[in-house]
N, C-alpha and C. Protein backbone atom coordinates (compact mmCIF):
# COMPACT_ATOMS: atom_id res chain seq x y z
N MET A 1 -34.76 -79.04 -84.77
CA MET A 1 -33.55 -78.26 -85.00
C MET A 1 -33.01 -78.44 -86.41
N SER A 2 -33.86 -79.06 -87.27
CA SER A 2 -33.39 -79.39 -88.61
C SER A 2 -33.10 -78.14 -89.43
N PHE A 3 -33.60 -76.99 -88.92
CA PHE A 3 -33.36 -75.75 -89.68
C PHE A 3 -31.95 -75.22 -89.47
N LEU A 4 -31.19 -75.78 -88.47
CA LEU A 4 -29.83 -75.31 -88.22
C LEU A 4 -28.90 -75.86 -89.30
N PRO A 5 -27.91 -75.09 -89.67
CA PRO A 5 -26.98 -75.53 -90.73
C PRO A 5 -26.25 -76.80 -90.31
N GLY A 6 -26.15 -77.77 -91.24
CA GLY A 6 -25.38 -78.99 -91.01
C GLY A 6 -25.96 -79.92 -89.99
N TRP A 7 -27.26 -79.74 -89.70
CA TRP A 7 -27.87 -80.51 -88.61
C TRP A 7 -27.87 -82.01 -88.91
N ASN A 8 -27.94 -82.38 -90.15
CA ASN A 8 -28.02 -83.78 -90.51
C ASN A 8 -26.68 -84.36 -90.95
N SER A 9 -25.58 -83.59 -90.76
CA SER A 9 -24.25 -84.06 -91.16
C SER A 9 -23.39 -84.21 -89.92
N ALA A 10 -22.88 -85.46 -89.74
CA ALA A 10 -22.06 -85.73 -88.55
C ALA A 10 -20.78 -84.90 -88.59
N ALA A 11 -20.18 -84.79 -89.77
CA ALA A 11 -18.93 -84.04 -89.87
C ALA A 11 -19.16 -82.58 -89.59
N THR A 12 -20.26 -82.08 -90.13
CA THR A 12 -20.53 -80.64 -89.95
C THR A 12 -20.86 -80.34 -88.50
N THR A 13 -21.70 -81.18 -87.90
CA THR A 13 -22.06 -80.94 -86.50
C THR A 13 -20.85 -81.04 -85.60
N ALA A 14 -19.92 -81.98 -85.93
CA ALA A 14 -18.72 -82.12 -85.11
C ALA A 14 -17.86 -80.85 -85.21
N ARG A 15 -17.75 -80.35 -86.45
CA ARG A 15 -16.94 -79.15 -86.66
C ARG A 15 -17.54 -77.93 -85.97
N LEU A 16 -18.89 -77.81 -86.14
CA LEU A 16 -19.55 -76.66 -85.50
C LEU A 16 -19.50 -76.75 -83.98
N HIS A 17 -19.60 -78.01 -83.48
CA HIS A 17 -19.48 -78.19 -82.03
C HIS A 17 -18.14 -77.67 -81.53
N ASP A 18 -17.08 -78.04 -82.27
CA ASP A 18 -15.74 -77.60 -81.86
C ASP A 18 -15.63 -76.07 -81.93
N ILE A 19 -16.23 -75.52 -83.01
CA ILE A 19 -16.16 -74.05 -83.18
C ILE A 19 -16.85 -73.33 -82.04
N PHE A 20 -18.07 -73.79 -81.74
CA PHE A 20 -18.83 -73.10 -80.68
C PHE A 20 -18.22 -73.33 -79.30
N GLU A 21 -17.63 -74.52 -79.12
CA GLU A 21 -16.98 -74.79 -77.83
C GLU A 21 -15.78 -73.88 -77.65
N ILE A 22 -14.99 -73.75 -78.72
CA ILE A 22 -13.83 -72.85 -78.67
C ILE A 22 -14.28 -71.40 -78.47
N ALA A 23 -15.37 -71.05 -79.21
CA ALA A 23 -15.89 -69.69 -79.10
C ALA A 23 -16.36 -69.42 -77.67
N GLY A 24 -17.00 -70.45 -77.07
CA GLY A 24 -17.47 -70.28 -75.68
C GLY A 24 -16.30 -70.05 -74.73
N ILE A 25 -15.24 -70.87 -74.97
CA ILE A 25 -14.07 -70.70 -74.11
C ILE A 25 -13.46 -69.30 -74.29
N VAL A 26 -13.40 -68.88 -75.59
CA VAL A 26 -12.84 -67.54 -75.86
C VAL A 26 -13.69 -66.45 -75.21
N PHE A 27 -15.01 -66.57 -75.39
CA PHE A 27 -15.90 -65.56 -74.79
C PHE A 27 -15.81 -65.57 -73.27
N LEU A 28 -15.68 -66.80 -72.70
CA LEU A 28 -15.54 -66.90 -71.25
C LEU A 28 -14.25 -66.21 -70.78
N ALA A 29 -13.17 -66.49 -71.57
CA ALA A 29 -11.89 -65.85 -71.23
C ALA A 29 -12.00 -64.33 -71.34
N LEU A 30 -12.67 -63.89 -72.44
CA LEU A 30 -12.86 -62.43 -72.60
C LEU A 30 -13.68 -61.85 -71.46
N LEU A 31 -14.69 -62.63 -71.02
CA LEU A 31 -15.52 -62.17 -69.91
C LEU A 31 -14.69 -62.02 -68.64
N VAL A 32 -13.86 -63.05 -68.40
CA VAL A 32 -13.00 -62.99 -67.20
C VAL A 32 -12.06 -61.82 -67.29
N ILE A 33 -11.44 -61.65 -68.49
CA ILE A 33 -10.50 -60.53 -68.68
C ILE A 33 -11.23 -59.19 -68.50
N ALA A 34 -12.46 -59.12 -69.07
CA ALA A 34 -13.24 -57.89 -68.96
C ALA A 34 -13.55 -57.59 -67.50
N GLU A 35 -13.93 -58.64 -66.74
CA GLU A 35 -14.24 -58.44 -65.32
C GLU A 35 -13.00 -58.00 -64.54
N VAL A 36 -11.86 -58.62 -64.87
CA VAL A 36 -10.60 -58.25 -64.19
C VAL A 36 -10.25 -56.81 -64.51
N LEU A 37 -10.35 -56.47 -65.82
CA LEU A 37 -10.04 -55.09 -66.22
C LEU A 37 -11.02 -54.11 -65.59
N ALA A 38 -12.31 -54.51 -65.53
CA ALA A 38 -13.31 -53.65 -64.91
C ALA A 38 -12.97 -53.42 -63.44
N TYR A 39 -12.54 -54.49 -62.76
CA TYR A 39 -12.17 -54.36 -61.34
C TYR A 39 -10.96 -53.43 -61.18
N ILE A 40 -9.93 -53.67 -62.05
CA ILE A 40 -8.72 -52.85 -61.96
C ILE A 40 -9.04 -51.37 -62.21
N TYR A 41 -9.78 -51.11 -63.29
CA TYR A 41 -10.12 -49.71 -63.60
C TYR A 41 -11.05 -49.10 -62.56
N GLY A 42 -11.94 -49.95 -62.04
CA GLY A 42 -12.83 -49.44 -60.99
C GLY A 42 -12.04 -49.05 -59.74
N HIS A 43 -11.06 -49.92 -59.38
CA HIS A 43 -10.22 -49.62 -58.22
C HIS A 43 -9.41 -48.34 -58.46
N GLN A 44 -8.85 -48.22 -59.68
CA GLN A 44 -8.08 -47.02 -60.02
C GLN A 44 -8.97 -45.77 -59.99
N ARG A 45 -10.20 -45.93 -60.49
CA ARG A 45 -11.15 -44.81 -60.47
C ARG A 45 -11.41 -44.35 -59.03
N ASP A 46 -11.64 -45.33 -58.13
CA ASP A 46 -11.90 -44.99 -56.74
C ASP A 46 -10.70 -44.28 -56.11
N GLN A 47 -9.48 -44.77 -56.46
CA GLN A 47 -8.28 -44.12 -55.91
C GLN A 47 -8.13 -42.70 -56.43
N LEU A 48 -8.38 -42.54 -57.75
CA LEU A 48 -8.26 -41.20 -58.33
C LEU A 48 -9.29 -40.24 -57.72
N ILE A 49 -10.53 -40.74 -57.57
CA ILE A 49 -11.57 -39.90 -56.97
C ILE A 49 -11.19 -39.54 -55.53
N SER A 50 -10.67 -40.54 -54.82
CA SER A 50 -10.25 -40.30 -53.43
C SER A 50 -9.13 -39.27 -53.37
N GLU A 51 -8.15 -39.39 -54.29
CA GLU A 51 -7.04 -38.44 -54.33
C GLU A 51 -7.52 -37.04 -54.70
N GLU A 52 -8.42 -36.98 -55.68
CA GLU A 52 -8.96 -35.68 -56.07
C GLU A 52 -9.73 -35.04 -54.91
N THR A 53 -10.46 -35.87 -54.19
CA THR A 53 -11.19 -35.36 -53.02
C THR A 53 -10.24 -34.86 -51.95
N ARG A 54 -9.14 -35.66 -51.72
CA ARG A 54 -8.15 -35.28 -50.72
C ARG A 54 -7.47 -33.96 -51.10
N VAL A 55 -7.09 -33.83 -52.37
CA VAL A 55 -6.45 -32.61 -52.85
C VAL A 55 -7.40 -31.42 -52.73
N ALA A 56 -8.68 -31.67 -53.08
CA ALA A 56 -9.67 -30.60 -52.97
C ALA A 56 -9.86 -30.18 -51.52
N ASP A 57 -9.86 -31.17 -50.61
CA ASP A 57 -10.00 -30.86 -49.18
C ASP A 57 -8.81 -30.05 -48.68
N ILE A 58 -7.60 -30.44 -49.12
CA ILE A 58 -6.39 -29.71 -48.72
C ILE A 58 -6.44 -28.28 -49.23
N ALA A 59 -6.84 -28.15 -50.51
CA ALA A 59 -6.93 -26.81 -51.09
C ALA A 59 -7.97 -25.97 -50.36
N ARG A 60 -9.10 -26.60 -50.00
CA ARG A 60 -10.16 -25.89 -49.30
C ARG A 60 -9.68 -25.48 -47.90
N GLU A 61 -8.98 -26.38 -47.22
CA GLU A 61 -8.45 -26.06 -45.90
C GLU A 61 -7.40 -24.95 -45.99
N ALA A 62 -6.55 -25.02 -47.04
CA ALA A 62 -5.54 -23.98 -47.22
C ALA A 62 -6.20 -22.63 -47.48
N GLU A 63 -7.24 -22.63 -48.29
CA GLU A 63 -7.96 -21.39 -48.59
C GLU A 63 -8.64 -20.84 -47.34
N THR A 64 -9.22 -21.76 -46.55
CA THR A 64 -9.85 -21.34 -45.29
C THR A 64 -8.82 -20.74 -44.34
N ALA A 65 -7.65 -21.42 -44.26
CA ALA A 65 -6.58 -20.90 -43.40
C ALA A 65 -6.08 -19.55 -43.89
N ARG A 66 -5.97 -19.41 -45.22
CA ARG A 66 -5.52 -18.13 -45.80
C ARG A 66 -6.50 -17.02 -45.48
N MET A 67 -7.78 -17.32 -45.64
CA MET A 67 -8.80 -16.32 -45.36
C MET A 67 -8.83 -15.97 -43.87
N ARG A 68 -8.63 -17.02 -43.03
CA ARG A 68 -8.60 -16.77 -41.59
C ARG A 68 -7.41 -15.89 -41.22
N GLN A 69 -6.25 -16.16 -41.85
CA GLN A 69 -5.06 -15.35 -41.58
C GLN A 69 -5.24 -13.92 -42.08
N GLN A 70 -5.91 -13.78 -43.24
CA GLN A 70 -6.20 -12.44 -43.74
C GLN A 70 -7.09 -11.67 -42.77
N LEU A 71 -8.04 -12.38 -42.18
CA LEU A 71 -8.93 -11.75 -41.20
C LEU A 71 -8.15 -11.32 -39.97
N VAL A 72 -7.25 -12.23 -39.51
CA VAL A 72 -6.42 -11.90 -38.34
C VAL A 72 -5.53 -10.71 -38.65
N ASP A 73 -4.91 -10.72 -39.85
CA ASP A 73 -4.03 -9.60 -40.24
C ASP A 73 -4.82 -8.30 -40.34
N ALA A 74 -6.03 -8.39 -40.88
CA ALA A 74 -6.85 -7.19 -41.00
C ALA A 74 -7.23 -6.64 -39.63
N GLU A 75 -7.58 -7.55 -38.71
CA GLU A 75 -7.92 -7.12 -37.35
C GLU A 75 -6.70 -6.52 -36.66
N LYS A 76 -5.53 -7.14 -36.88
CA LYS A 76 -4.30 -6.62 -36.28
C LYS A 76 -3.97 -5.24 -36.84
N ALA A 77 -4.12 -5.10 -38.17
CA ALA A 77 -3.85 -3.80 -38.80
C ALA A 77 -4.81 -2.74 -38.28
N ALA A 78 -6.07 -3.13 -38.10
CA ALA A 78 -7.06 -2.17 -37.59
C ALA A 78 -6.73 -1.76 -36.16
N THR A 79 -6.30 -2.74 -35.35
CA THR A 79 -5.92 -2.45 -33.96
C THR A 79 -4.71 -1.53 -33.91
N GLU A 80 -3.70 -1.84 -34.76
CA GLU A 80 -2.51 -1.01 -34.80
C GLU A 80 -2.84 0.41 -35.28
N ALA A 81 -3.72 0.49 -36.28
CA ALA A 81 -4.11 1.81 -36.78
C ALA A 81 -4.82 2.60 -35.69
N LYS A 82 -5.66 1.92 -34.92
CA LYS A 82 -6.37 2.59 -33.84
C LYS A 82 -5.38 3.04 -32.76
N GLN A 83 -4.40 2.17 -32.44
CA GLN A 83 -3.39 2.53 -31.45
C GLN A 83 -2.55 3.70 -31.93
N ASN A 84 -2.17 3.66 -33.21
CA ASN A 84 -1.37 4.76 -33.77
C ASN A 84 -2.15 6.07 -33.74
N ALA A 85 -3.46 5.97 -34.04
CA ALA A 85 -4.29 7.18 -34.01
C ALA A 85 -4.39 7.73 -32.59
N THR A 86 -4.52 6.79 -31.62
CA THR A 86 -4.60 7.21 -30.22
C THR A 86 -3.29 7.85 -29.77
N GLU A 87 -2.16 7.19 -30.15
CA GLU A 87 -0.86 7.73 -29.79
C GLU A 87 -0.62 9.09 -30.43
N LEU A 88 -1.04 9.22 -31.69
CA LEU A 88 -0.87 10.50 -32.39
C LEU A 88 -1.71 11.58 -31.72
N GLN A 89 -2.91 11.20 -31.32
CA GLN A 89 -3.77 12.16 -30.63
C GLN A 89 -3.16 12.57 -29.30
N GLN A 90 -2.58 11.59 -28.59
CA GLN A 90 -1.93 11.89 -27.31
C GLN A 90 -0.72 12.80 -27.50
N LEU A 91 0.02 12.58 -28.60
CA LEU A 91 1.18 13.42 -28.87
C LEU A 91 0.77 14.87 -29.14
N ARG A 92 -0.43 15.04 -29.65
CA ARG A 92 -0.89 16.39 -29.97
C ARG A 92 -1.40 17.13 -28.74
N VAL A 93 -1.69 16.37 -27.67
CA VAL A 93 -2.17 17.01 -26.45
C VAL A 93 -0.98 17.62 -25.70
N PRO A 94 -1.00 18.92 -25.44
CA PRO A 94 0.13 19.56 -24.75
C PRO A 94 0.37 18.95 -23.37
N ARG A 95 1.64 18.83 -23.01
CA ARG A 95 1.99 18.34 -21.68
C ARG A 95 1.63 19.39 -20.63
N THR A 96 1.26 18.90 -19.47
CA THR A 96 0.92 19.80 -18.37
C THR A 96 1.26 19.13 -17.06
N LEU A 97 1.47 19.91 -16.05
CA LEU A 97 1.82 19.40 -14.72
C LEU A 97 0.53 18.97 -14.02
N SER A 98 0.41 17.68 -13.74
CA SER A 98 -0.83 17.18 -13.15
C SER A 98 -0.87 17.45 -11.65
N ASP A 99 -2.06 17.40 -11.09
CA ASP A 99 -2.22 17.58 -9.64
C ASP A 99 -1.47 16.50 -8.87
N THR A 100 -1.47 15.27 -9.42
CA THR A 100 -0.76 14.17 -8.76
C THR A 100 0.73 14.46 -8.72
N GLN A 101 1.29 14.93 -9.83
CA GLN A 101 2.72 15.26 -9.87
C GLN A 101 3.05 16.40 -8.91
N LYS A 102 2.19 17.40 -8.86
CA LYS A 102 2.41 18.50 -7.94
C LYS A 102 2.44 18.00 -6.49
N ALA A 103 1.47 17.14 -6.16
CA ALA A 103 1.39 16.61 -4.80
C ALA A 103 2.63 15.78 -4.46
N LYS A 104 3.09 14.97 -5.41
CA LYS A 104 4.26 14.13 -5.17
C LYS A 104 5.53 14.96 -5.04
N LEU A 105 5.65 15.99 -5.87
CA LEU A 105 6.82 16.88 -5.76
C LEU A 105 6.83 17.56 -4.39
N SER A 106 5.68 18.05 -3.97
CA SER A 106 5.60 18.71 -2.67
C SER A 106 5.94 17.76 -1.54
N THR A 107 5.42 16.53 -1.64
CA THR A 107 5.69 15.53 -0.59
C THR A 107 7.17 15.19 -0.53
N PHE A 108 7.77 14.95 -1.69
CA PHE A 108 9.17 14.51 -1.72
C PHE A 108 10.12 15.63 -1.29
N LEU A 109 9.85 16.86 -1.71
CA LEU A 109 10.80 17.95 -1.49
C LEU A 109 10.59 18.70 -0.17
N THR A 110 9.55 18.33 0.57
CA THR A 110 9.35 18.94 1.88
C THR A 110 10.55 18.61 2.78
N ASN A 111 11.10 19.62 3.40
CA ASN A 111 12.27 19.50 4.29
C ASN A 111 13.55 19.13 3.54
N LYS A 112 13.55 19.20 2.20
CA LYS A 112 14.77 18.98 1.42
C LYS A 112 15.40 20.35 1.12
N PRO A 113 16.72 20.38 0.94
CA PRO A 113 17.36 21.66 0.59
C PRO A 113 16.78 22.22 -0.70
N LYS A 114 16.63 23.52 -0.75
CA LYS A 114 16.14 24.17 -1.96
C LYS A 114 17.33 24.51 -2.85
N GLY A 115 17.11 24.45 -4.15
CA GLY A 115 18.21 24.71 -5.07
C GLY A 115 17.78 25.56 -6.23
N HIS A 116 18.65 25.59 -7.23
CA HIS A 116 18.33 26.34 -8.44
C HIS A 116 18.76 25.53 -9.66
N PHE A 117 18.00 25.66 -10.72
CA PHE A 117 18.35 24.99 -11.97
C PHE A 117 17.73 25.75 -13.12
N THR A 118 18.17 25.41 -14.33
CA THR A 118 17.67 26.06 -15.53
C THR A 118 16.95 25.03 -16.40
N ILE A 119 15.76 25.36 -16.80
CA ILE A 119 15.02 24.49 -17.72
C ILE A 119 15.36 24.89 -19.15
N LYS A 120 15.84 23.92 -19.92
CA LYS A 120 16.15 24.13 -21.34
C LYS A 120 15.00 23.53 -22.16
N ALA A 121 14.13 24.40 -22.65
CA ALA A 121 12.96 23.93 -23.40
C ALA A 121 13.28 23.87 -24.88
N SER A 122 13.06 22.70 -25.48
CA SER A 122 13.36 22.53 -26.90
C SER A 122 12.53 23.49 -27.76
N ALA A 123 13.21 24.20 -28.62
CA ALA A 123 12.52 25.15 -29.50
C ALA A 123 11.71 24.45 -30.59
N THR A 124 12.01 23.16 -30.81
CA THR A 124 11.31 22.42 -31.87
C THR A 124 10.09 21.65 -31.35
N ALA A 125 9.91 21.60 -30.03
CA ALA A 125 8.75 20.93 -29.44
C ALA A 125 7.71 22.00 -29.10
N ASP A 126 6.53 21.90 -29.69
CA ASP A 126 5.53 22.96 -29.59
C ASP A 126 5.15 23.30 -28.15
N ASP A 127 5.10 22.29 -27.29
CA ASP A 127 4.61 22.54 -25.93
C ASP A 127 5.72 22.66 -24.90
N ALA A 128 7.00 22.53 -25.32
CA ALA A 128 8.10 22.47 -24.36
C ALA A 128 8.22 23.75 -23.54
N ARG A 129 8.11 24.91 -24.17
CA ARG A 129 8.28 26.16 -23.45
C ARG A 129 7.16 26.39 -22.43
N VAL A 130 5.93 26.18 -22.84
CA VAL A 130 4.80 26.36 -21.93
C VAL A 130 4.89 25.37 -20.76
N TYR A 131 5.25 24.13 -21.09
CA TYR A 131 5.41 23.10 -20.06
C TYR A 131 6.53 23.48 -19.10
N GLY A 132 7.65 23.96 -19.66
CA GLY A 132 8.78 24.37 -18.83
C GLY A 132 8.41 25.53 -17.92
N ASP A 133 7.67 26.50 -18.46
CA ASP A 133 7.23 27.64 -17.64
C ASP A 133 6.33 27.18 -16.49
N GLU A 134 5.47 26.20 -16.77
CA GLU A 134 4.57 25.70 -15.73
C GLU A 134 5.36 25.01 -14.62
N ILE A 135 6.35 24.19 -15.01
CA ILE A 135 7.18 23.52 -14.01
C ILE A 135 7.97 24.54 -13.20
N ALA A 136 8.56 25.51 -13.90
CA ALA A 136 9.35 26.53 -13.22
C ALA A 136 8.50 27.32 -12.23
N MET A 137 7.28 27.68 -12.63
CA MET A 137 6.39 28.45 -11.77
C MET A 137 6.04 27.67 -10.51
N PHE A 138 5.80 26.38 -10.67
CA PHE A 138 5.45 25.57 -9.50
C PHE A 138 6.64 25.46 -8.55
N PHE A 139 7.83 25.20 -9.10
CA PHE A 139 9.00 25.11 -8.24
C PHE A 139 9.27 26.44 -7.52
N ARG A 140 9.08 27.54 -8.22
CA ARG A 140 9.35 28.85 -7.62
C ARG A 140 8.28 29.22 -6.59
N ASP A 141 7.00 29.13 -7.00
CA ASP A 141 5.92 29.64 -6.16
C ASP A 141 5.54 28.70 -5.02
N GLN A 142 5.60 27.40 -5.28
CA GLN A 142 5.13 26.45 -4.27
C GLN A 142 6.25 25.80 -3.47
N LEU A 143 7.44 25.72 -4.06
CA LEU A 143 8.53 25.01 -3.39
C LEU A 143 9.69 25.91 -2.99
N GLY A 144 9.68 27.15 -3.48
CA GLY A 144 10.71 28.10 -3.09
C GLY A 144 12.05 27.91 -3.78
N TRP A 145 12.08 27.24 -4.90
CA TRP A 145 13.32 27.06 -5.64
C TRP A 145 13.55 28.25 -6.58
N THR A 146 14.77 28.34 -7.06
CA THR A 146 15.11 29.35 -8.05
C THR A 146 15.23 28.67 -9.41
N VAL A 147 14.33 29.01 -10.32
CA VAL A 147 14.30 28.33 -11.62
C VAL A 147 14.08 29.35 -12.73
N LYS A 148 14.83 29.21 -13.80
CA LYS A 148 14.60 30.02 -14.98
C LYS A 148 14.42 29.11 -16.19
N VAL A 149 13.86 29.66 -17.24
CA VAL A 149 13.57 28.86 -18.44
C VAL A 149 14.21 29.52 -19.65
N ASP A 150 14.92 28.73 -20.42
CA ASP A 150 15.53 29.20 -21.67
C ASP A 150 15.03 28.34 -22.83
N ASN A 151 14.87 28.97 -23.98
CA ASN A 151 14.65 28.19 -25.21
C ASN A 151 15.99 27.61 -25.64
N ALA A 152 15.96 26.39 -26.17
CA ALA A 152 17.21 25.73 -26.54
C ALA A 152 17.04 24.95 -27.83
N ILE A 153 18.10 24.91 -28.62
CA ILE A 153 18.15 24.04 -29.79
C ILE A 153 18.79 22.74 -29.34
N ILE A 154 17.99 21.70 -29.24
CA ILE A 154 18.46 20.41 -28.74
C ILE A 154 18.65 19.47 -29.92
N MET A 155 19.85 18.91 -30.01
CA MET A 155 20.17 17.99 -31.11
C MET A 155 20.70 16.68 -30.54
N GLY A 156 20.62 15.63 -31.35
CA GLY A 156 21.11 14.32 -30.93
C GLY A 156 20.22 13.22 -31.45
N PRO A 157 20.61 11.95 -31.22
CA PRO A 157 19.82 10.82 -31.72
C PRO A 157 18.48 10.65 -31.01
N ASP A 158 18.40 11.14 -29.76
CA ASP A 158 17.16 11.02 -29.02
C ASP A 158 16.93 12.32 -28.26
N ILE A 159 15.95 13.08 -28.70
CA ILE A 159 15.66 14.37 -28.05
C ILE A 159 14.25 14.35 -27.46
N SER A 160 13.81 13.20 -27.03
CA SER A 160 12.48 13.07 -26.44
C SER A 160 12.59 12.95 -24.93
N GLY A 161 11.51 13.31 -24.25
CA GLY A 161 11.47 13.16 -22.81
C GLY A 161 12.19 14.28 -22.07
N MET A 162 12.69 13.94 -20.88
CA MET A 162 13.38 14.92 -20.04
C MET A 162 14.66 14.31 -19.49
N TRP A 163 15.66 15.14 -19.28
CA TRP A 163 16.92 14.66 -18.72
C TRP A 163 17.66 15.80 -18.05
N ILE A 164 18.55 15.43 -17.14
CA ILE A 164 19.34 16.41 -16.40
C ILE A 164 20.75 16.43 -16.94
N THR A 165 21.29 17.62 -17.12
CA THR A 165 22.64 17.79 -17.64
C THR A 165 23.46 18.64 -16.67
N ILE A 166 24.71 18.20 -16.42
CA ILE A 166 25.64 18.96 -15.58
C ILE A 166 26.95 19.13 -16.35
N LYS A 167 27.85 19.90 -15.81
CA LYS A 167 29.09 20.18 -16.53
C LYS A 167 30.08 19.02 -16.45
N ASP A 168 30.23 18.44 -15.25
CA ASP A 168 31.29 17.44 -15.04
C ASP A 168 30.74 16.28 -14.22
N GLY A 169 30.88 15.07 -14.75
CA GLY A 169 30.40 13.90 -14.04
C GLY A 169 31.18 13.59 -12.78
N ASN A 170 32.37 14.15 -12.64
CA ASN A 170 33.19 13.93 -11.45
C ASN A 170 32.92 14.98 -10.38
N SER A 171 32.10 15.96 -10.69
CA SER A 171 31.78 17.01 -9.74
C SER A 171 30.29 17.31 -9.86
N ILE A 172 29.49 16.46 -9.20
CA ILE A 172 28.04 16.53 -9.35
C ILE A 172 27.45 17.42 -8.26
N PRO A 173 26.76 18.48 -8.65
CA PRO A 173 26.12 19.35 -7.65
C PRO A 173 25.14 18.57 -6.78
N LEU A 174 25.08 18.93 -5.49
CA LEU A 174 24.22 18.22 -4.55
C LEU A 174 22.76 18.23 -5.01
N ILE A 175 22.34 19.34 -5.58
CA ILE A 175 20.95 19.48 -5.96
C ILE A 175 20.54 18.52 -7.07
N THR A 176 21.53 18.00 -7.80
CA THR A 176 21.24 17.11 -8.93
C THR A 176 20.48 15.88 -8.48
N GLU A 177 20.99 15.21 -7.46
CA GLU A 177 20.35 13.98 -6.98
C GLU A 177 18.97 14.26 -6.42
N ILE A 178 18.83 15.38 -5.70
CA ILE A 178 17.53 15.72 -5.12
C ILE A 178 16.51 15.96 -6.23
N LEU A 179 16.89 16.76 -7.23
CA LEU A 179 15.98 17.06 -8.33
C LEU A 179 15.62 15.81 -9.11
N HIS A 180 16.63 15.01 -9.41
CA HIS A 180 16.37 13.79 -10.20
C HIS A 180 15.45 12.84 -9.44
N SER A 181 15.69 12.68 -8.15
CA SER A 181 14.87 11.77 -7.35
C SER A 181 13.44 12.29 -7.23
N ALA A 182 13.30 13.61 -7.10
CA ALA A 182 11.96 14.20 -6.99
C ALA A 182 11.16 13.98 -8.27
N LEU A 183 11.79 14.22 -9.41
CA LEU A 183 11.10 14.04 -10.69
C LEU A 183 10.76 12.58 -10.94
N THR A 184 11.65 11.68 -10.53
CA THR A 184 11.38 10.25 -10.67
C THR A 184 10.21 9.85 -9.79
N PHE A 185 10.22 10.33 -8.55
CA PHE A 185 9.14 10.02 -7.59
C PHE A 185 7.80 10.53 -8.12
N ALA A 186 7.81 11.67 -8.79
CA ALA A 186 6.57 12.26 -9.32
C ALA A 186 6.20 11.71 -10.69
N GLU A 187 6.94 10.71 -11.14
CA GLU A 187 6.65 9.99 -12.38
C GLU A 187 6.74 10.87 -13.62
N PHE A 188 7.75 11.76 -13.64
CA PHE A 188 8.07 12.48 -14.87
C PHE A 188 8.85 11.52 -15.79
N PRO A 189 8.80 11.73 -17.09
CA PRO A 189 9.57 10.87 -18.01
C PRO A 189 11.05 11.26 -18.02
N ILE A 190 11.67 11.21 -16.85
CA ILE A 190 13.06 11.63 -16.70
C ILE A 190 13.99 10.46 -16.97
N ARG A 191 15.05 10.68 -17.72
CA ARG A 191 16.00 9.61 -18.02
C ARG A 191 16.77 9.21 -16.75
N HIS A 192 17.17 7.97 -16.72
CA HIS A 192 17.85 7.45 -15.53
C HIS A 192 19.23 8.08 -15.35
N ASP A 193 19.95 8.25 -16.45
CA ASP A 193 21.33 8.75 -16.36
C ASP A 193 21.37 10.26 -16.47
N VAL A 194 22.27 10.85 -15.67
CA VAL A 194 22.54 12.28 -15.77
C VAL A 194 23.64 12.48 -16.81
N ILE A 195 23.48 13.46 -17.68
CA ILE A 195 24.42 13.68 -18.78
C ILE A 195 25.43 14.75 -18.40
N ALA A 196 26.69 14.48 -18.67
CA ALA A 196 27.76 15.47 -18.46
C ALA A 196 28.05 16.16 -19.78
N ASP A 197 28.06 17.51 -19.76
CA ASP A 197 28.27 18.30 -20.97
C ASP A 197 29.15 19.50 -20.64
N PRO A 198 30.34 19.59 -21.23
CA PRO A 198 31.23 20.73 -20.96
C PRO A 198 30.60 22.07 -21.32
N GLY A 199 29.54 22.05 -22.11
CA GLY A 199 28.89 23.28 -22.51
C GLY A 199 28.10 23.94 -21.39
N VAL A 200 27.85 23.20 -20.30
CA VAL A 200 27.18 23.79 -19.15
C VAL A 200 28.07 24.89 -18.58
N THR A 201 27.47 26.00 -18.21
CA THR A 201 28.23 27.21 -17.87
C THR A 201 29.20 27.02 -16.71
N THR A 202 28.72 26.53 -15.56
CA THR A 202 29.57 26.40 -14.37
C THR A 202 29.44 25.02 -13.77
N GLN A 203 30.31 24.73 -12.80
CA GLN A 203 30.30 23.43 -12.13
C GLN A 203 29.05 23.25 -11.29
N THR A 204 28.47 24.35 -10.85
CA THR A 204 27.30 24.25 -9.97
C THR A 204 25.97 24.32 -10.73
N GLU A 205 26.04 24.57 -12.01
CA GLU A 205 24.82 24.73 -12.81
C GLU A 205 24.20 23.37 -13.13
N VAL A 206 22.88 23.33 -13.07
CA VAL A 206 22.11 22.13 -13.39
C VAL A 206 21.06 22.50 -14.43
N TRP A 207 21.02 21.72 -15.51
CA TRP A 207 20.02 21.95 -16.56
C TRP A 207 19.00 20.81 -16.53
N LEU A 208 17.75 21.18 -16.67
CA LEU A 208 16.69 20.19 -16.89
C LEU A 208 16.18 20.42 -18.32
N SER A 209 16.53 19.50 -19.21
CA SER A 209 16.14 19.65 -20.62
C SER A 209 14.78 19.01 -20.84
N ILE A 210 13.95 19.72 -21.59
CA ILE A 210 12.64 19.19 -21.99
C ILE A 210 12.63 19.06 -23.50
N GLY A 211 12.64 17.80 -23.96
CA GLY A 211 12.63 17.54 -25.39
C GLY A 211 11.21 17.35 -25.91
N SER A 212 11.11 16.61 -26.98
CA SER A 212 9.79 16.36 -27.57
C SER A 212 9.03 15.36 -26.70
N LYS A 213 7.72 15.31 -26.93
CA LYS A 213 6.88 14.42 -26.15
C LYS A 213 7.09 12.98 -26.56
N LYS A 214 7.20 12.07 -25.60
CA LYS A 214 7.37 10.65 -25.91
C LYS A 214 6.05 10.04 -26.34
C-alpha cells in the first residue's frame, strides 16, 4: 500500500483516517437520508397513482352512467314518439258507432221510456257531424227515439268528448238520466256532470254535444 499518499507518515495517515471515517459517516448519513426520502417519495407516488386511478374510475363510471342515461332517455323519447304517432293516427280515424255500443244501447234502453233530444255536432270537429248523424239514425231507427242533429259552434276551455246540456239544473228532464246512463253503459266518452245552460231553448229540451275527439 506504499503507493497510497502519506502511507509512511503517522501524522498523515492519522489525518486521512479521520477524514475517511468522517466521510464514511457522512455518506452513511446521506444514504440513510436518501433511503428515507426514497421511501417517502415512493409512498407519495403510490398515493398519487392510487388517487389518479380512483379519479379516473369515478370519471369512467360517471361517463358510463351518463351514456346509460342517454340511452334510457333516447329509448323513452322513441317510445313517446311512437305513442304520439299512434295517438295522432287514432285521432285521424273518424269516430263511429261500434257494434258493441249498439248492442249495449239496445240492451240498456229496452223497456225504458223513449224520449227526444238534439245532437249538437261541433262544426270544428271533422267527424262530429257524421258521427252525430250515425248516432241519431240508430236511436231513431232501432230504438224509436226522436233525434235531430244540428251543427254547432262549441267554445270553452274543453270542447272534447261528449256531454249533455239542459236549460236548468233545478228542473232536469226525466229523459236526461236515462240518456246519460245509457251512454255511460255503452262506454261513450260522456262527461259525468250534466251542464246547465240558459241558452237551451226550453225546460224539456236535452242537448247531446259532440266535441272534438279525445
